[in-house]
PDB file of N, CA and C in Angstrom:
ATOM      1  N   MET A   1       0.855  -1.173   0.000  1.00  0.00           N
ATOM      2  CA  MET A   1       0.000   0.000   0.000  1.00  0.00           C
ATOM      3  C   MET A   1       0.899   1.232   0.000  1.00  0.00           C
ATOM      4  N   GLN A   2       0.538   2.213  -0.830  1.00  0.00           N
ATOM      5  CA  GLN A   2       1.300   3.449  -0.922  1.00  0.00           C
ATOM      6  C   GLN A   2       0.399   4.640  -0.648  1.00  0.00           C
ATOM      7  N   LYS A   3       0.982   5.701  -0.077  1.00  0.00           N
ATOM      8  CA  LYS A   3       0.252   6.945   0.103  1.00  0.00           C
ATOM      9  C   LYS A   3       0.726   7.927  -0.957  1.00  0.00           C
ATOM     10  N   TYR A   4      -0.237   8.625  -1.563  1.00  0.00           N
ATOM     11  CA  TYR A   4       0.085   9.681  -2.517  1.00  0.00           C
ATOM     12  C   TYR A   4      -0.582  10.948  -2.030  1.00  0.00           C
ATOM     13  N   GLN A   5       0.164  12.035  -2.026  1.00  0.00           N
ATOM     14  CA  GLN A   5      -0.409  13.322  -1.647  1.00  0.00           C
ATOM     15  C   GLN A   5       0.203  14.404  -2.514  1.00  0.00           C
ATOM     16  N   SER A   6      -0.582  15.426  -2.796  1.00  0.00           N
ATOM     17  CA  SER A   6      -0.110  16.498  -3.651  1.00  0.00           C
ATOM     18  C   SER A   6      -0.991  17.722  -3.458  1.00  0.00           C
ATOM     19  N   VAL A   7      -0.645  18.779  -4.175  1.00  0.00           N
ATOM     20  CA  VAL A   7      -1.399  20.020  -4.177  1.00  0.00           C
ATOM     21  C   VAL A   7      -1.667  20.396  -5.624  1.00  0.00           C
ATOM     22  N   VAL A   8      -2.901  20.796  -5.927  1.00  0.00           N
ATOM     23  CA  VAL A   8      -3.249  21.260  -7.269  1.00  0.00           C
ATOM     24  C   VAL A   8      -3.104  22.780  -7.291  1.00  0.00           C
ATOM     25  N   GLN A   9      -2.326  23.268  -8.273  1.00  0.00           N
ATOM     26  CA  GLN A   9      -2.079  24.695  -8.408  1.00  0.00           C
ATOM     27  C   GLN A   9      -2.202  25.111  -9.870  1.00  0.00           C
ATOM     28  N   TYR A  10      -2.566  26.373 -10.059  1.00  0.00           N
ATOM     29  CA  TYR A  10      -2.485  26.971 -11.389  1.00  0.00           C
ATOM     30  C   TYR A  10      -1.011  27.217 -11.707  1.00  0.00           C
ATOM     31  N   ASN A  11      -0.701  27.513 -12.975  1.00  0.00           N
ATOM     32  CA  ASN A  11       0.675  27.815 -13.375  1.00  0.00           C
ATOM     33  C   ASN A  11       1.254  28.985 -12.580  1.00  0.00           C
ATOM     34  N   THR A  12       0.402  29.854 -12.081  1.00  0.00           N
ATOM     35  CA  THR A  12       0.834  31.022 -11.317  1.00  0.00           C
ATOM     36  C   THR A  12       1.208  30.683  -9.877  1.00  0.00           C
ATOM     37  N   GLY A  13       0.920  29.444  -9.441  1.00  0.00           N
ATOM     38  CA  GLY A  13       1.207  29.034  -8.075  1.00  0.00           C
ATOM     39  C   GLY A  13       0.018  29.146  -7.138  1.00  0.00           C
ATOM     40  N   VAL A  14      -1.079  29.742  -7.617  1.00  0.00           N
ATOM     41  CA  VAL A  14      -2.293  29.857  -6.798  1.00  0.00           C
ATOM     42  C   VAL A  14      -2.921  28.468  -6.682  1.00  0.00           C
ATOM     43  N   VAL A  15      -3.280  28.070  -5.451  1.00  0.00           N
ATOM     44  CA  VAL A  15      -3.857  26.739  -5.238  1.00  0.00           C
ATOM     45  C   VAL A  15      -5.286  26.674  -5.776  1.00  0.00           C
ATOM     46  N   VAL A  16      -5.720  25.464  -6.104  1.00  0.00           N
ATOM     47  CA  VAL A  16      -7.056  25.237  -6.659  1.00  0.00           C
ATOM     48  C   VAL A  16      -7.883  24.451  -5.651  1.00  0.00           C
ATOM     49  N   ALA A  17      -8.759  25.149  -4.942  1.00  0.00           N
ATOM     50  CA  ALA A  17      -9.676  24.491  -4.008  1.00  0.00           C
ATOM     51  C   ALA A  17     -10.855  23.932  -4.789  1.00  0.00           C
ATOM     52  N   GLY A  18     -11.333  22.762  -4.400  1.00  0.00           N
ATOM     53  CA  GLY A  18     -12.520  22.180  -5.021  1.00  0.00           C
ATOM     54  C   GLY A  18     -12.286  21.517  -6.360  1.00  0.00           C
ATOM     55  N   ALA A  19     -11.035  21.273  -6.733  1.00  0.00           N
ATOM     56  CA  ALA A  19     -10.747  20.553  -7.979  1.00  0.00           C
ATOM     57  C   ALA A  19     -11.105  19.081  -7.796  1.00  0.00           C
ATOM     58  N   SER A  20     -11.452  18.428  -8.881  1.00  0.00           N
ATOM     59  CA  SER A  20     -11.785  17.013  -8.862  1.00  0.00           C
ATOM     60  C   SER A  20     -10.569  16.208  -9.317  1.00  0.00           C
ATOM     61  N   VAL A  21     -10.178  15.202  -8.519  1.00  0.00           N
ATOM     62  CA  VAL A  21      -9.026  14.360  -8.821  1.00  0.00           C
ATOM     63  C   VAL A  21      -9.518  12.923  -8.965  1.00  0.00           C
ATOM     64  N   THR A  22      -9.473  12.404 -10.183  1.00  0.00           N
ATOM     65  CA  THR A  22      -9.897  11.034 -10.455  1.00  0.00           C
ATOM     66  C   THR A  22      -8.663  10.148 -10.572  1.00  0.00           C
ATOM     67  N   VAL A  23      -8.642   9.068  -9.824  1.00  0.00           N
ATOM     68  CA  VAL A  23      -7.518   8.124  -9.823  1.00  0.00           C
ATOM     69  C   VAL A  23      -7.924   6.926 -10.667  1.00  0.00           C
ATOM     70  N   LYS A  24      -7.117   6.652 -11.704  1.00  0.00           N
ATOM     71  CA  LYS A  24      -7.425   5.546 -12.624  1.00  0.00           C
ATOM     72  C   LYS A  24      -6.283   4.540 -12.639  1.00  0.00           C
ATOM     73  N   ASN A  25      -6.648   3.278 -12.822  1.00  0.00           N
ATOM     74  CA  ASN A  25      -5.643   2.240 -13.027  1.00  0.00           C
ATOM     75  C   ASN A  25      -4.967   2.498 -14.364  1.00  0.00           C
ATOM     76  N   TYR A  26      -3.648   2.298 -14.412  1.00  0.00           N
ATOM     77  CA  TYR A  26      -2.911   2.500 -15.657  1.00  0.00           C
ATOM     78  C   TYR A  26      -2.372   1.161 -16.120  1.00  0.00           C
ATOM     79  N   PRO A  27      -2.552   0.785 -17.359  1.00  0.00           N
ATOM     80  CA  PRO A  27      -3.027   1.576 -18.488  1.00  0.00           C
ATOM     81  C   PRO A  27      -4.506   1.384 -18.816  1.00  0.00           C
ATOM     82  N   SER A  28      -5.244   0.601 -18.029  1.00  0.00           N
ATOM     83  CA  SER A  28      -6.630   0.264 -18.402  1.00  0.00           C
ATOM     84  C   SER A  28      -7.569   1.466 -18.377  1.00  0.00           C
ATOM     85  N   GLY A  29      -7.306   2.440 -17.511  1.00  0.00           N
ATOM     86  CA  GLY A  29      -8.173   3.610 -17.425  1.00  0.00           C
ATOM     87  C   GLY A  29      -9.407   3.409 -16.561  1.00  0.00           C
ATOM     88  N   THR A  30      -9.539   2.252 -15.926  1.00  0.00           N
ATOM     89  CA  THR A  30     -10.677   2.021 -15.041  1.00  0.00           C
ATOM     90  C   THR A  30     -10.451   2.736 -13.712  1.00  0.00           C
ATOM     91  N   LEU A  31     -11.545   3.049 -13.014  1.00  0.00           N
ATOM     92  CA  LEU A  31     -11.411   3.717 -11.715  1.00  0.00           C
ATOM     93  C   LEU A  31     -10.666   2.815 -10.735  1.00  0.00           C
ATOM     94  N   ALA A  32      -9.724   3.394 -10.018  1.00  0.00           N
ATOM     95  CA  ALA A  32      -8.954   2.653  -9.024  1.00  0.00           C
ATOM     96  C   ALA A  32      -9.701   2.624  -7.696  1.00  0.00           C
ATOM     97  N   THR A  33      -9.455   1.591  -6.925  1.00  0.00           N
ATOM     98  CA  THR A  33      -9.946   1.543  -5.550  1.00  0.00           C
ATOM     99  C   THR A  33      -8.921   2.270  -4.698  1.00  0.00           C
ATOM    100  N   ILE A  34      -9.389   3.305  -3.995  1.00  0.00           N
ATOM    101  CA  ILE A  34      -8.484   4.089  -3.162  1.00  0.00           C
ATOM    102  C   ILE A  34      -9.018   4.133  -1.734  1.00  0.00           C
ATOM    103  N   TYR A  35      -8.129   4.482  -0.807  1.00  0.00           N
ATOM    104  CA  TYR A  35      -8.453   4.432   0.615  1.00  0.00           C
ATOM    105  C   TYR A  35      -8.047   5.734   1.308  1.00  0.00           C
ATOM    106  N   SER A  36      -8.730   6.043   2.398  1.00  0.00           N
ATOM    107  CA  SER A  36      -8.398   7.225   3.179  1.00  0.00           C
ATOM    108  C   SER A  36      -7.330   6.917   4.231  1.00  0.00           C
ATOM    109  N   ASP A  37      -7.045   5.636   4.428  1.00  0.00           N
ATOM    110  CA  ASP A  37      -6.008   5.220   5.368  1.00  0.00           C
ATOM    111  C   ASP A  37      -5.264   4.052   4.740  1.00  0.00           C
ATOM    112  N   ASN A  38      -4.465   3.361   5.487  1.00  0.00           N
ATOM    113  CA  ASN A  38      -3.593   2.337   4.931  1.00  0.00           C
ATOM    114  C   ASN A  38      -4.337   1.053   4.559  1.00  0.00           C
ATOM    115  N   GLY A  39      -5.252   1.142   3.594  1.00  0.00           N
ATOM    116  CA  GLY A  39      -5.916  -0.030   3.059  1.00  0.00           C
ATOM    117  C   GLY A  39      -7.102  -0.543   3.837  1.00  0.00           C
ATOM    118  N   VAL A  40      -7.641   0.249   4.758  1.00  0.00           N
ATOM    119  CA  VAL A  40      -8.750  -0.213   5.576  1.00  0.00           C
ATOM    120  C   VAL A  40     -10.070   0.438   5.177  1.00  0.00           C
ATOM    121  N   THR A  41     -10.084   1.749   4.983  1.00  0.00           N
ATOM    122  CA  THR A  41     -11.319   2.488   4.756  1.00  0.00           C
ATOM    123  C   THR A  41     -11.376   3.016   3.320  1.00  0.00           C
ATOM    124  N   PRO A  42     -12.204   2.396   2.459  1.00  0.00           N
ATOM    125  CA  PRO A  42     -12.326   2.908   1.089  1.00  0.00           C
ATOM    126  C   PRO A  42     -12.839   4.349   1.095  1.00  0.00           C
ATOM    127  N   THR A  43     -12.408   5.126   0.115  1.00  0.00           N
ATOM    128  CA  THR A  43     -12.876   6.498  -0.022  1.00  0.00           C
ATOM    129  C   THR A  43     -13.412   6.711  -1.431  1.00  0.00           C
ATOM    130  N   THR A  44     -14.103   7.816  -1.629  1.00  0.00           N
ATOM    131  CA  THR A  44     -14.716   8.081  -2.928  1.00  0.00           C
ATOM    132  C   THR A  44     -13.660   8.419  -3.971  1.00  0.00           C
ATOM    133  N   ASN A  45     -13.949   8.052  -5.185  1.00  0.00           N
ATOM    134  CA  ASN A  45     -13.095   8.346  -6.331  1.00  0.00           C
ATOM    135  C   ASN A  45     -14.022   8.875  -7.413  1.00  0.00           C
ATOM    136  N   PRO A  46     -14.009  10.153  -7.734  1.00  0.00           N
ATOM    137  CA  PRO A  46     -12.917  11.099  -7.544  1.00  0.00           C
ATOM    138  C   PRO A  46     -12.906  11.762  -6.174  1.00  0.00           C
ATOM    139  N   LEU A  47     -11.723  12.287  -5.847  1.00  0.00           N
ATOM    140  CA  LEU A  47     -11.503  13.079  -4.642  1.00  0.00           C
ATOM    141  C   LEU A  47     -11.742  14.553  -4.966  1.00  0.00           C
ATOM    142  N   THR A  48     -11.868  15.384  -3.933  1.00  0.00           N
ATOM    143  CA  THR A  48     -11.975  16.831  -4.111  1.00  0.00           C
ATOM    144  C   THR A  48     -10.882  17.493  -3.291  1.00  0.00           C
ATOM    145  N   THR A  49     -10.158  18.443  -3.888  1.00  0.00           N
ATOM    146  CA  THR A  49      -9.110  19.135  -3.150  1.00  0.00           C
ATOM    147  C   THR A  49      -9.719  20.001  -2.055  1.00  0.00           C
ATOM    148  N   ASP A  50      -8.952  20.181  -0.974  1.00  0.00           N
ATOM    149  CA  ASP A  50      -9.438  20.991   0.148  1.00  0.00           C
ATOM    150  C   ASP A  50      -9.232  22.485  -0.130  1.00  0.00           C
ATOM    151  N   SER A  51      -9.415  23.305   0.883  1.00  0.00           N
ATOM    152  CA  SER A  51      -9.374  24.760   0.703  1.00  0.00           C
ATOM    153  C   SER A  51      -7.997  25.287   0.309  1.00  0.00           C
ATOM    154  N   VAL A  52      -6.955  24.496   0.497  1.00  0.00           N
ATOM    155  CA  VAL A  52      -5.615  24.913   0.073  1.00  0.00           C
ATOM    156  C   VAL A  52      -5.063  23.993  -1.030  1.00  0.00           C
ATOM    157  N   GLY A  53      -5.987  23.341  -1.773  1.00  0.00           N
ATOM    158  CA  GLY A  53      -5.625  22.564  -2.948  1.00  0.00           C
ATOM    159  C   GLY A  53      -5.052  21.185  -2.692  1.00  0.00           C
ATOM    160  N   ARG A  54      -5.035  20.737  -1.444  1.00  0.00           N
ATOM    161  CA  ARG A  54      -4.430  19.441  -1.119  1.00  0.00           C
ATOM    162  C   ARG A  54      -5.389  18.268  -1.342  1.00  0.00           C
ATOM    163  N   PHE A  55      -4.777  17.122  -1.662  1.00  0.00           N
ATOM    164  CA  PHE A  55      -5.511  15.858  -1.686  1.00  0.00           C
ATOM    165  C   PHE A  55      -4.529  14.747  -1.351  1.00  0.00           C
ATOM    166  N   ALA A  56      -5.061  13.636  -0.850  1.00  0.00           N
ATOM    167  CA  ALA A  56      -4.227  12.489  -0.497  1.00  0.00           C
ATOM    168  C   ALA A  56      -5.078  11.229  -0.538  1.00  0.00           C
ATOM    169  N   PHE A  57      -4.425  10.107  -0.838  1.00  0.00           N
ATOM    170  CA  PHE A  57      -5.101   8.811  -0.816  1.00  0.00           C
ATOM    171  C   PHE A  57      -4.061   7.712  -0.701  1.00  0.00           C
ATOM    172  N   TYR A  58      -4.524   6.533  -0.320  1.00  0.00           N
ATOM    173  CA  TYR A  58      -3.712   5.332  -0.330  1.00  0.00           C
ATOM    174  C   TYR A  58      -4.223   4.437  -1.440  1.00  0.00           C
ATOM    175  N   ALA A  59      -3.308   3.682  -2.047  1.00  0.00           N
ATOM    176  CA  ALA A  59      -3.682   2.716  -3.087  1.00  0.00           C
ATOM    177  C   ALA A  59      -2.701   1.550  -3.042  1.00  0.00           C
ATOM    178  N   ALA A  60      -3.160   0.409  -3.528  1.00  0.00           N
ATOM    179  CA  ALA A  60      -2.282  -0.754  -3.602  1.00  0.00           C
ATOM    180  C   ALA A  60      -1.098  -0.443  -4.509  1.00  0.00           C
ATOM    181  N   ASP A  61       0.029  -1.109  -4.261  1.00  0.00           N
ATOM    182  CA  ASP A  61       1.191  -0.913  -5.126  1.00  0.00           C
ATOM    183  C   ASP A  61       0.778  -1.152  -6.571  1.00  0.00           C
ATOM    184  N   GLY A  62       1.187  -0.290  -7.462  1.00  0.00           N
ATOM    185  CA  GLY A  62       0.835  -0.420  -8.872  1.00  0.00           C
ATOM    186  C   GLY A  62       1.046   0.879  -9.613  1.00  0.00           C
ATOM    187  N   HIS A  63       0.437   0.964 -10.800  1.00  0.00           N
ATOM    188  CA  HIS A  63       0.566   2.144 -11.653  1.00  0.00           C
ATOM    189  C   HIS A  63      -0.794   2.806 -11.798  1.00  0.00           C
ATOM    190  N   TYR A  64      -0.809   4.124 -11.671  1.00  0.00           N
ATOM    191  CA  TYR A  64      -2.052   4.886 -11.713  1.00  0.00           C
ATOM    192  C   TYR A  64      -1.855   6.151 -12.535  1.00  0.00           C
ATOM    193  N   SER A  65      -2.950   6.674 -13.044  1.00  0.00           N
ATOM    194  CA  SER A  65      -2.934   7.993 -13.674  1.00  0.00           C
ATOM    195  C   SER A  65      -3.955   8.852 -12.940  1.00  0.00           C
ATOM    196  N   LEU A  66      -3.700  10.151 -12.912  1.00  0.00           N
ATOM    197  CA  LEU A  66      -4.603  11.094 -12.267  1.00  0.00           C
ATOM    198  C   LEU A  66      -5.192  12.008 -13.322  1.00  0.00           C
ATOM    199  N   GLU A  67      -6.491  12.235 -13.228  1.00  0.00           N
ATOM    200  CA  GLU A  67      -7.168  13.196 -14.101  1.00  0.00           C
ATOM    201  C   GLU A  67      -7.687  14.297 -13.190  1.00  0.00           C
ATOM    202  N   ILE A  68      -7.234  15.521 -13.432  1.00  0.00           N
ATOM    203  CA  ILE A  68      -7.586  16.644 -12.564  1.00  0.00           C
ATOM    204  C   ILE A  68      -8.369  17.662 -13.364  1.00  0.00           C
ATOM    205  N   THR A  69      -9.560  17.996 -12.859  1.00  0.00           N
ATOM    206  CA  THR A  69     -10.425  18.966 -13.525  1.00  0.00           C
ATOM    207  C   THR A  69     -10.946  19.957 -12.487  1.00  0.00           C
ATOM    208  N   GLY A  70     -11.317  21.134 -12.971  1.00  0.00           N
ATOM    209  CA  GLY A  70     -11.867  22.140 -12.070  1.00  0.00           C
ATOM    210  C   GLY A  70     -12.230  23.395 -12.829  1.00  0.00           C
ATOM    211  N   VAL A  71     -12.840  24.344 -12.127  1.00  0.00           N
ATOM    212  CA  VAL A  71     -13.239  25.602 -12.723  1.00  0.00           C
ATOM    213  C   VAL A  71     -11.993  26.359 -13.174  1.00  0.00           C
ATOM    214  N   SER A  72     -12.017  26.820 -14.411  1.00  0.00           N
ATOM    215  CA  SER A  72     -10.892  27.564 -14.996  1.00  0.00           C
ATOM    216  C   SER A  72      -9.586  26.753 -14.995  1.00  0.00           C
ATOM    217  N   LEU A  73      -9.709  25.450 -15.030  1.00  0.00           N
ATOM    218  CA  LEU A  73      -8.530  24.573 -15.007  1.00  0.00           C
ATOM    219  C   LEU A  73      -8.646  23.618 -16.191  1.00  0.00           C
ATOM    220  N   ALA A  74      -7.700  23.688 -17.106  1.00  0.00           N
ATOM    221  CA  ALA A  74      -7.714  22.757 -18.239  1.00  0.00           C
ATOM    222  C   ALA A  74      -7.455  21.356 -17.706  1.00  0.00           C
ATOM    223  N   PRO A  75      -8.269  20.374 -18.099  1.00  0.00           N
ATOM    224  CA  PRO A  75      -8.044  18.997 -17.609  1.00  0.00           C
ATOM    225  C   PRO A  75      -6.636  18.519 -17.919  1.00  0.00           C
ATOM    226  N   TYR A  76      -6.022  17.861 -16.955  1.00  0.00           N
ATOM    227  CA  TYR A  76      -4.714  17.254 -17.198  1.00  0.00           C
ATOM    228  C   TYR A  76      -4.554  16.018 -16.339  1.00  0.00           C
TER     229      TYR A  76
END
């Protein structure tokens, strides 16, 4: 089990609150099973960034892709 955490920001460095972060299995593109703790409590997928743009989740060892969308934010 691995923990991933990050912050979503615009190119200007301003954080993006309320962005949607979808975690997908790579390369299949199916939704990944993610957890709010070390593999015990499943959490919703997609996640939403908090008021300072942060998000975090745990996932089984493997390869994943993230799709991030939000207001005035080009999907990436």
